[in-house]
Amino acid sequence: MKILFINNEGGGFADYVNLDGGTTVEKFFSEKMAHGKAEDYLIRVNRQPVSRDYVLHEGDRVTITPTKIEGAE
């Protein structure tokens, strides 16, 4: 299945990615943001906050935005 992934970390980017059916938000985050902790990010699907066990669907729009910026006071 194909979803739109918007990564707002650093310079940010957006791209369509292909996933296996049944992929949860938690699994998607761990694959795409392996260096980060989920609690340091705002994760939304179709502009709405979702739980980590939400199963992604064809055409979903996933946005990952950091809530903690390194070096910020």
PDB file of N, CA and C in Angstrom:
ATOM      1  N   MET A   1       0.836  -1.174   0.000  1.00  0.00           N
ATOM      2  CA  MET A   1       0.000   0.000   0.000  1.00  0.00           C
ATOM      3  C   MET A   1       0.883   1.240   0.000  1.00  0.00           C
ATOM      4  N   LYS A   2       0.332   2.350  -0.407  1.00  0.00           N
ATOM      5  CA  LYS A   2       1.088   3.587  -0.549  1.00  0.00           C
ATOM      6  C   LYS A   2       0.514   4.647   0.387  1.00  0.00           C
ATOM      7  N   ILE A   3       1.417   5.328   1.153  1.00  0.00           N
ATOM      8  CA  ILE A   3       1.001   6.422   2.019  1.00  0.00           C
ATOM      9  C   ILE A   3       1.908   7.620   1.757  1.00  0.00           C
ATOM     10  N   LEU A   4       1.478   8.797   2.194  1.00  0.00           N
ATOM     11  CA  LEU A   4       2.298   9.999   2.122  1.00  0.00           C
ATOM     12  C   LEU A   4       2.956  10.191   3.477  1.00  0.00           C
ATOM     13  N   PHE A   5       4.291  10.284   3.500  1.00  0.00           N
ATOM     14  CA  PHE A   5       5.052  10.470   4.729  1.00  0.00           C
ATOM     15  C   PHE A   5       5.642  11.869   4.711  1.00  0.00           C
ATOM     16  N   ILE A   6       5.295  12.671   5.723  1.00  0.00           N
ATOM     17  CA  ILE A   6       5.830  14.018   5.865  1.00  0.00           C
ATOM     18  C   ILE A   6       6.686  14.036   7.122  1.00  0.00           C
ATOM     19  N   ASN A   7       7.990  14.237   6.937  1.00  0.00           N
ATOM     20  CA  ASN A   7       8.943  14.262   8.045  1.00  0.00           C
ATOM     21  C   ASN A   7       9.331  15.720   8.272  1.00  0.00           C
ATOM     22  N   ASN A   8       8.940  16.271   9.406  1.00  0.00           N
ATOM     23  CA  ASN A   8       9.228  17.666   9.726  1.00  0.00           C
ATOM     24  C   ASN A   8      10.475  17.831  10.573  1.00  0.00           C
ATOM     25  N   GLU A   9      11.336  16.830  10.605  1.00  0.00           N
ATOM     26  CA  GLU A   9      12.573  16.918  11.367  1.00  0.00           C
ATOM     27  C   GLU A   9      13.642  17.580  10.503  1.00  0.00           C
ATOM     28  N   GLY A  10      14.381  18.512  11.086  1.00  0.00           N
ATOM     29  CA  GLY A  10      15.440  19.194  10.335  1.00  0.00           C
ATOM     30  C   GLY A  10      14.866  19.981   9.187  1.00  0.00           C
ATOM     31  N   GLY A  11      15.389  19.747   7.980  1.00  0.00           N
ATOM     32  CA  GLY A  11      14.914  20.450   6.792  1.00  0.00           C
ATOM     33  C   GLY A  11      13.555  19.958   6.328  1.00  0.00           C
ATOM     34  N   GLY A  12      13.170  18.775   6.772  1.00  0.00           N
ATOM     35  CA  GLY A  12      11.870  18.218   6.421  1.00  0.00           C
ATOM     36  C   GLY A  12      11.815  17.707   4.997  1.00  0.00           C
ATOM     37  N   PHE A  13      10.881  16.836   4.720  1.00  0.00           N
ATOM     38  CA  PHE A  13      10.636  16.331   3.378  1.00  0.00           C
ATOM     39  C   PHE A  13       9.299  15.607   3.358  1.00  0.00           C
ATOM     40  N   ALA A  14       8.793  15.401   2.188  1.00  0.00           N
ATOM     41  CA  ALA A  14       7.560  14.633   2.014  1.00  0.00           C
ATOM     42  C   ALA A  14       7.745  13.710   0.820  1.00  0.00           C
ATOM     43  N   ASP A  15       7.258  12.483   0.940  1.00  0.00           N
ATOM     44  CA  ASP A  15       7.365  11.528  -0.152  1.00  0.00           C
ATOM     45  C   ASP A  15       6.358  10.406   0.067  1.00  0.00           C
ATOM     46  N   TYR A  16       5.975   9.772  -1.021  1.00  0.00           N
ATOM     47  CA  TYR A  16       5.128   8.593  -0.926  1.00  0.00           C
ATOM     48  C   TYR A  16       6.012   7.391  -0.639  1.00  0.00           C
ATOM     49  N   VAL A  17       5.563   6.533   0.265  1.00  0.00           N
ATOM     50  CA  VAL A  17       6.302   5.312   0.596  1.00  0.00           C
ATOM     51  C   VAL A  17       5.351   4.121   0.498  1.00  0.00           C
ATOM     52  N   ASN A  18       5.905   2.972   0.185  1.00  0.00           N
ATOM     53  CA  ASN A  18       5.139   1.729   0.115  1.00  0.00           C
ATOM     54  C   ASN A  18       5.335   0.947   1.402  1.00  0.00           C
ATOM     55  N   LEU A  19       4.237   0.420   1.934  1.00  0.00           N
ATOM     56  CA  LEU A  19       4.267  -0.352   3.176  1.00  0.00           C
ATOM     57  C   LEU A  19       3.529  -1.662   2.994  1.00  0.00           C
ATOM     58  N   ASP A  20       3.841  -2.608   3.860  1.00  0.00           N
ATOM     59  CA  ASP A  20       3.073  -3.852   3.916  1.00  0.00           C
ATOM     60  C   ASP A  20       1.740  -3.573   4.595  1.00  0.00           C
ATOM     61  N   GLY A  21       0.712  -4.281   4.206  1.00  0.00           N
ATOM     62  CA  GLY A  21      -0.585  -4.162   4.871  1.00  0.00           C
ATOM     63  C   GLY A  21      -0.465  -4.549   6.335  1.00  0.00           C
ATOM     64  N   GLY A  22      -1.226  -3.911   7.185  1.00  0.00           N
ATOM     65  CA  GLY A  22      -1.197  -4.221   8.612  1.00  0.00           C
ATOM     66  C   GLY A  22      -0.117  -3.490   9.387  1.00  0.00           C
ATOM     67  N   THR A  23       0.598  -2.564   8.750  1.00  0.00           N
ATOM     68  CA  THR A  23       1.657  -1.817   9.434  1.00  0.00           C
ATOM     69  C   THR A  23       1.035  -0.837  10.425  1.00  0.00           C
ATOM     70  N   THR A  24       1.509  -0.880  11.668  1.00  0.00           N
ATOM     71  CA  THR A  24       1.023   0.042  12.690  1.00  0.00           C
ATOM     72  C   THR A  24       1.877   1.307  12.699  1.00  0.00           C
ATOM     73  N   VAL A  25       1.358   2.343  13.339  1.00  0.00           N
ATOM     74  CA  VAL A  25       2.105   3.591  13.487  1.00  0.00           C
ATOM     75  C   VAL A  25       3.413   3.327  14.230  1.00  0.00           C
ATOM     76  N   GLU A  26       3.369   2.503  15.259  1.00  0.00           N
ATOM     77  CA  GLU A  26       4.564   2.191  16.041  1.00  0.00           C
ATOM     78  C   GLU A  26       5.645   1.532  15.171  1.00  0.00           C
ATOM     79  N   LYS A  27       5.259   0.568  14.358  1.00  0.00           N
ATOM     80  CA  LYS A  27       6.220  -0.113  13.485  1.00  0.00           C
ATOM     81  C   LYS A  27       6.774   0.856  12.441  1.00  0.00           C
ATOM     82  N   PHE A  28       5.906   1.679  11.855  1.00  0.00           N
ATOM     83  CA  PHE A  28       6.332   2.655  10.860  1.00  0.00           C
ATOM     84  C   PHE A  28       7.347   3.624  11.469  1.00  0.00           C
ATOM     85  N   PHE A  29       7.056   4.136  12.660  1.00  0.00           N
ATOM     86  CA  PHE A  29       7.966   5.061  13.321  1.00  0.00           C
ATOM     87  C   PHE A  29       9.317   4.396  13.581  1.00  0.00           C
ATOM     88  N   SER A  30       9.317   3.191  14.104  1.00  0.00           N
ATOM     89  CA  SER A  30      10.585   2.521  14.427  1.00  0.00           C
ATOM     90  C   SER A  30      11.424   2.247  13.180  1.00  0.00           C
ATOM     91  N   GLU A  31      10.783   2.046  12.035  1.00  0.00           N
ATOM     92  CA  GLU A  31      11.526   1.824  10.795  1.00  0.00           C
ATOM     93  C   GLU A  31      12.071   3.129  10.216  1.00  0.00           C
ATOM     94  N   LYS A  32      11.284   4.195  10.260  1.00  0.00           N
ATOM     95  CA  LYS A  32      11.675   5.457   9.634  1.00  0.00           C
ATOM     96  C   LYS A  32      12.481   6.374  10.541  1.00  0.00           C
ATOM     97  N   MET A  33      12.292   6.250  11.843  1.00  0.00           N
ATOM     98  CA  MET A  33      12.943   7.152  12.788  1.00  0.00           C
ATOM     99  C   MET A  33      13.681   6.341  13.847  1.00  0.00           C
ATOM    100  N   ALA A  34      14.472   5.387  13.435  1.00  0.00           N
ATOM    101  CA  ALA A  34      15.128   4.455  14.355  1.00  0.00           C
ATOM    102  C   ALA A  34      15.977   5.153  15.408  1.00  0.00           C
ATOM    103  N   HIS A  35      16.467   6.330  15.108  1.00  0.00           N
ATOM    104  CA  HIS A  35      17.329   7.058  16.040  1.00  0.00           C
ATOM    105  C   HIS A  35      16.556   7.808  17.119  1.00  0.00           C
ATOM    106  N   GLY A  36      15.237   7.924  16.981  1.00  0.00           N
ATOM    107  CA  GLY A  36      14.453   8.742  17.904  1.00  0.00           C
ATOM    108  C   GLY A  36      13.551   7.943  18.817  1.00  0.00           C
ATOM    109  N   LYS A  37      13.009   8.657  19.825  1.00  0.00           N
ATOM    110  CA  LYS A  37      12.035   8.063  20.738  1.00  0.00           C
ATOM    111  C   LYS A  37      10.675   8.659  20.401  1.00  0.00           C
ATOM    112  N   ALA A  38       9.673   7.826  20.303  1.00  0.00           N
ATOM    113  CA  ALA A  38       8.332   8.270  19.892  1.00  0.00           C
ATOM    114  C   ALA A  38       7.791   9.379  20.780  1.00  0.00           C
ATOM    115  N   GLU A  39       8.143   9.372  22.063  1.00  0.00           N
ATOM    116  CA  GLU A  39       7.616  10.396  22.967  1.00  0.00           C
ATOM    117  C   GLU A  39       8.183  11.794  22.686  1.00  0.00           C
ATOM    118  N   ASP A  40       9.219  11.872  21.855  1.00  0.00           N
ATOM    119  CA  ASP A  40       9.805  13.166  21.487  1.00  0.00           C
ATOM    120  C   ASP A  40       9.224  13.717  20.187  1.00  0.00           C
ATOM    121  N   TYR A  41       8.181  13.073  19.672  1.00  0.00           N
ATOM    122  CA  TYR A  41       7.594  13.473  18.391  1.00  0.00           C
ATOM    123  C   TYR A  41       6.075  13.531  18.487  1.00  0.00           C
ATOM    124  N   LEU A  42       5.487  14.417  17.700  1.00  0.00           N
ATOM    125  CA  LEU A  42       4.041  14.448  17.513  1.00  0.00           C
ATOM    126  C   LEU A  42       3.771  13.673  16.227  1.00  0.00           C
ATOM    127  N   ILE A  43       3.040  12.581  16.344  1.00  0.00           N
ATOM    128  CA  ILE A  43       2.759  11.717  15.196  1.00  0.00           C
ATOM    129  C   ILE A  43       1.273  11.818  14.893  1.00  0.00           C
ATOM    130  N   ARG A  44       0.962  12.207  13.661  1.00  0.00           N
ATOM    131  CA  ARG A  44      -0.431  12.354  13.252  1.00  0.00           C
ATOM    132  C   ARG A  44      -0.679  11.556  11.979  1.00  0.00           C
ATOM    133  N   VAL A  45      -1.891  11.080  11.849  1.00  0.00           N
ATOM    134  CA  VAL A  45      -2.347  10.420  10.620  1.00  0.00           C
ATOM    135  C   VAL A  45      -3.569  11.188  10.147  1.00  0.00           C
ATOM    136  N   ASN A  46      -3.495  11.664   8.909  1.00  0.00           N
ATOM    137  CA  ASN A  46      -4.584  12.460   8.338  1.00  0.00           C
ATOM    138  C   ASN A  46      -4.932  13.646   9.239  1.00  0.00           C
ATOM    139  N   ARG A  47      -3.872  14.277   9.762  1.00  0.00           N
ATOM    140  CA  ARG A  47      -3.938  15.487  10.606  1.00  0.00           C
ATOM    141  C   ARG A  47      -4.516  15.268  11.994  1.00  0.00           C
ATOM    142  N   GLN A  48      -4.701  14.021  12.396  1.00  0.00           N
ATOM    143  CA  GLN A  48      -5.254  13.705  13.713  1.00  0.00           C
ATOM    144  C   GLN A  48      -4.263  12.858  14.517  1.00  0.00           C
ATOM    145  N   PRO A  49      -4.100  13.163  15.821  1.00  0.00           N
ATOM    146  CA  PRO A  49      -3.266  12.293  16.659  1.00  0.00           C
ATOM    147  C   PRO A  49      -3.879  10.893  16.707  1.00  0.00           C
ATOM    148  N   VAL A  50      -3.034   9.879  16.708  1.00  0.00           N
ATOM    149  CA  VAL A  50      -3.505   8.486  16.756  1.00  0.00           C
ATOM    150  C   VAL A  50      -2.698   7.711  17.784  1.00  0.00           C
ATOM    151  N   SER A  51      -3.226   6.569  18.183  1.00  0.00           N
ATOM    152  CA  SER A  51      -2.503   5.706  19.113  1.00  0.00           C
ATOM    153  C   SER A  51      -1.431   4.928  18.353  1.00  0.00           C
ATOM    154  N   ARG A  52      -0.479   4.405  19.096  1.00  0.00           N
ATOM    155  CA  ARG A  52       0.639   3.682  18.478  1.00  0.00           C
ATOM    156  C   ARG A  52       0.208   2.396  17.789  1.00  0.00           C
ATOM    157  N   ASP A  53      -0.957   1.850  18.172  1.00  0.00           N
ATOM    158  CA  ASP A  53      -1.422   0.611  17.549  1.00  0.00           C
ATOM    159  C   ASP A  53      -2.370   0.852  16.370  1.00  0.00           C
ATOM    160  N   TYR A  54      -2.529   2.103  15.954  1.00  0.00           N
ATOM    161  CA  TYR A  54      -3.352   2.415  14.785  1.00  0.00           C
ATOM    162  C   TYR A  54      -2.751   1.745  13.555  1.00  0.00           C
ATOM    163  N   VAL A  55      -3.572   1.044  12.785  1.00  0.00           N
ATOM    164  CA  VAL A  55      -3.113   0.362  11.573  1.00  0.00           C
ATOM    165  C   VAL A  55      -3.278   1.316  10.393  1.00  0.00           C
ATOM    166  N   LEU A  56      -2.173   1.554   9.681  1.00  0.00           N
ATOM    167  CA  LEU A  56      -2.194   2.467   8.539  1.00  0.00           C
ATOM    168  C   LEU A  56      -2.949   1.858   7.364  1.00  0.00           C
ATOM    169  N   HIS A  57      -3.574   2.744   6.573  1.00  0.00           N
ATOM    170  CA  HIS A  57      -4.381   2.326   5.428  1.00  0.00           C
ATOM    171  C   HIS A  57      -3.896   3.029   4.165  1.00  0.00           C
ATOM    172  N   GLU A  58      -4.203   2.458   3.036  1.00  0.00           N
ATOM    173  CA  GLU A  58      -3.877   3.043   1.730  1.00  0.00           C
ATOM    174  C   GLU A  58      -4.318   4.503   1.690  1.00  0.00           C
ATOM    175  N   GLY A  59      -3.399   5.387   1.276  1.00  0.00           N
ATOM    176  CA  GLY A  59      -3.726   6.800   1.115  1.00  0.00           C
ATOM    177  C   GLY A  59      -3.595   7.638   2.376  1.00  0.00           C
ATOM    178  N   ASP A  60      -3.243   7.030   3.522  1.00  0.00           N
ATOM    179  CA  ASP A  60      -3.065   7.812   4.741  1.00  0.00           C
ATOM    180  C   ASP A  60      -1.925   8.816   4.575  1.00  0.00           C
ATOM    181  N   ARG A  61      -2.008   9.884   5.345  1.00  0.00           N
ATOM    182  CA  ARG A  61      -0.972  10.923   5.373  1.00  0.00           C
ATOM    183  C   ARG A  61      -0.389  10.921   6.783  1.00  0.00           C
ATOM    184  N   VAL A  62       0.883  10.513   6.914  1.00  0.00           N
ATOM    185  CA  VAL A  62       1.547  10.426   8.210  1.00  0.00           C
ATOM    186  C   VAL A  62       2.510  11.600   8.353  1.00  0.00           C
ATOM    187  N   THR A  63       2.349  12.355   9.447  1.00  0.00           N
ATOM    188  CA  THR A  63       3.214  13.487   9.727  1.00  0.00           C
ATOM    189  C   THR A  63       3.940  13.236  11.037  1.00  0.00           C
ATOM    190  N   ILE A  64       5.278  13.386  11.016  1.00  0.00           N
ATOM    191  CA  ILE A  64       6.088  13.222  12.223  1.00  0.00           C
ATOM    192  C   ILE A  64       6.835  14.535  12.458  1.00  0.00           C
ATOM    193  N   THR A  65       6.545  15.171  13.607  1.00  0.00           N
ATOM    194  CA  THR A  65       7.119  16.466  13.940  1.00  0.00           C
ATOM    195  C   THR A  65       7.793  16.373  15.313  1.00  0.00           C
ATOM    196  N   PRO A  66       9.067  16.785  15.410  1.00  0.00           N
ATOM    197  CA  PRO A  66       9.728  16.737  16.730  1.00  0.00           C
ATOM    198  C   PRO A  66       9.107  17.746  17.686  1.00  0.00           C
ATOM    199  N   THR A  67       8.992  17.351  18.943  1.00  0.00           N
ATOM    200  CA  THR A  67       8.507  18.270  19.979  1.00  0.00           C
ATOM    201  C   THR A  67       9.668  18.809  20.808  1.00  0.00           C
ATOM    202  N   LYS A  68      10.823  18.175  20.680  1.00  0.00           N
ATOM    203  CA  LYS A  68      12.030  18.617  21.372  1.00  0.00           C
ATOM    204  C   LYS A  68      13.093  18.900  20.316  1.00  0.00           C
ATOM    205  N   ILE A  69      13.615  20.105  20.330  1.00  0.00           N
ATOM    206  CA  ILE A  69      14.643  20.499  19.383  1.00  0.00           C
ATOM    207  C   ILE A  69      15.986  20.528  20.107  1.00  0.00           C
ATOM    208  N   GLU A  70      16.954  19.737  19.631  1.00  0.00           N
ATOM    209  CA  GLU A  70      18.254  19.702  20.276  1.00  0.00           C
ATOM    210  C   GLU A  70      18.928  21.052  20.166  1.00  0.00           C
ATOM    211  N   GLY A  71      19.525  21.477  21.270  1.00  0.00           N
ATOM    212  CA  GLY A  71      20.228  22.758  21.302  1.00  0.00           C
ATOM    213  C   GLY A  71      19.337  23.915  21.702  1.00  0.00           C
ATOM    214  N   ALA A  72      18.033  23.712  21.743  1.00  0.00           N
ATOM    215  CA  ALA A  72      17.109  24.776  22.146  1.00  0.00           C
ATOM    216  C   ALA A  72      17.128  24.892  23.675  1.00  0.00           C
ATOM    217  N   GLU A  73      16.962  26.100  24.150  1.00  0.00           N
ATOM    218  CA  GLU A  73      16.950  26.319  25.605  1.00  0.00           C
ATOM    219  C   GLU A  73      15.557  26.253  26.154  1.00  0.00           C
TER     220      GLU A  73
END
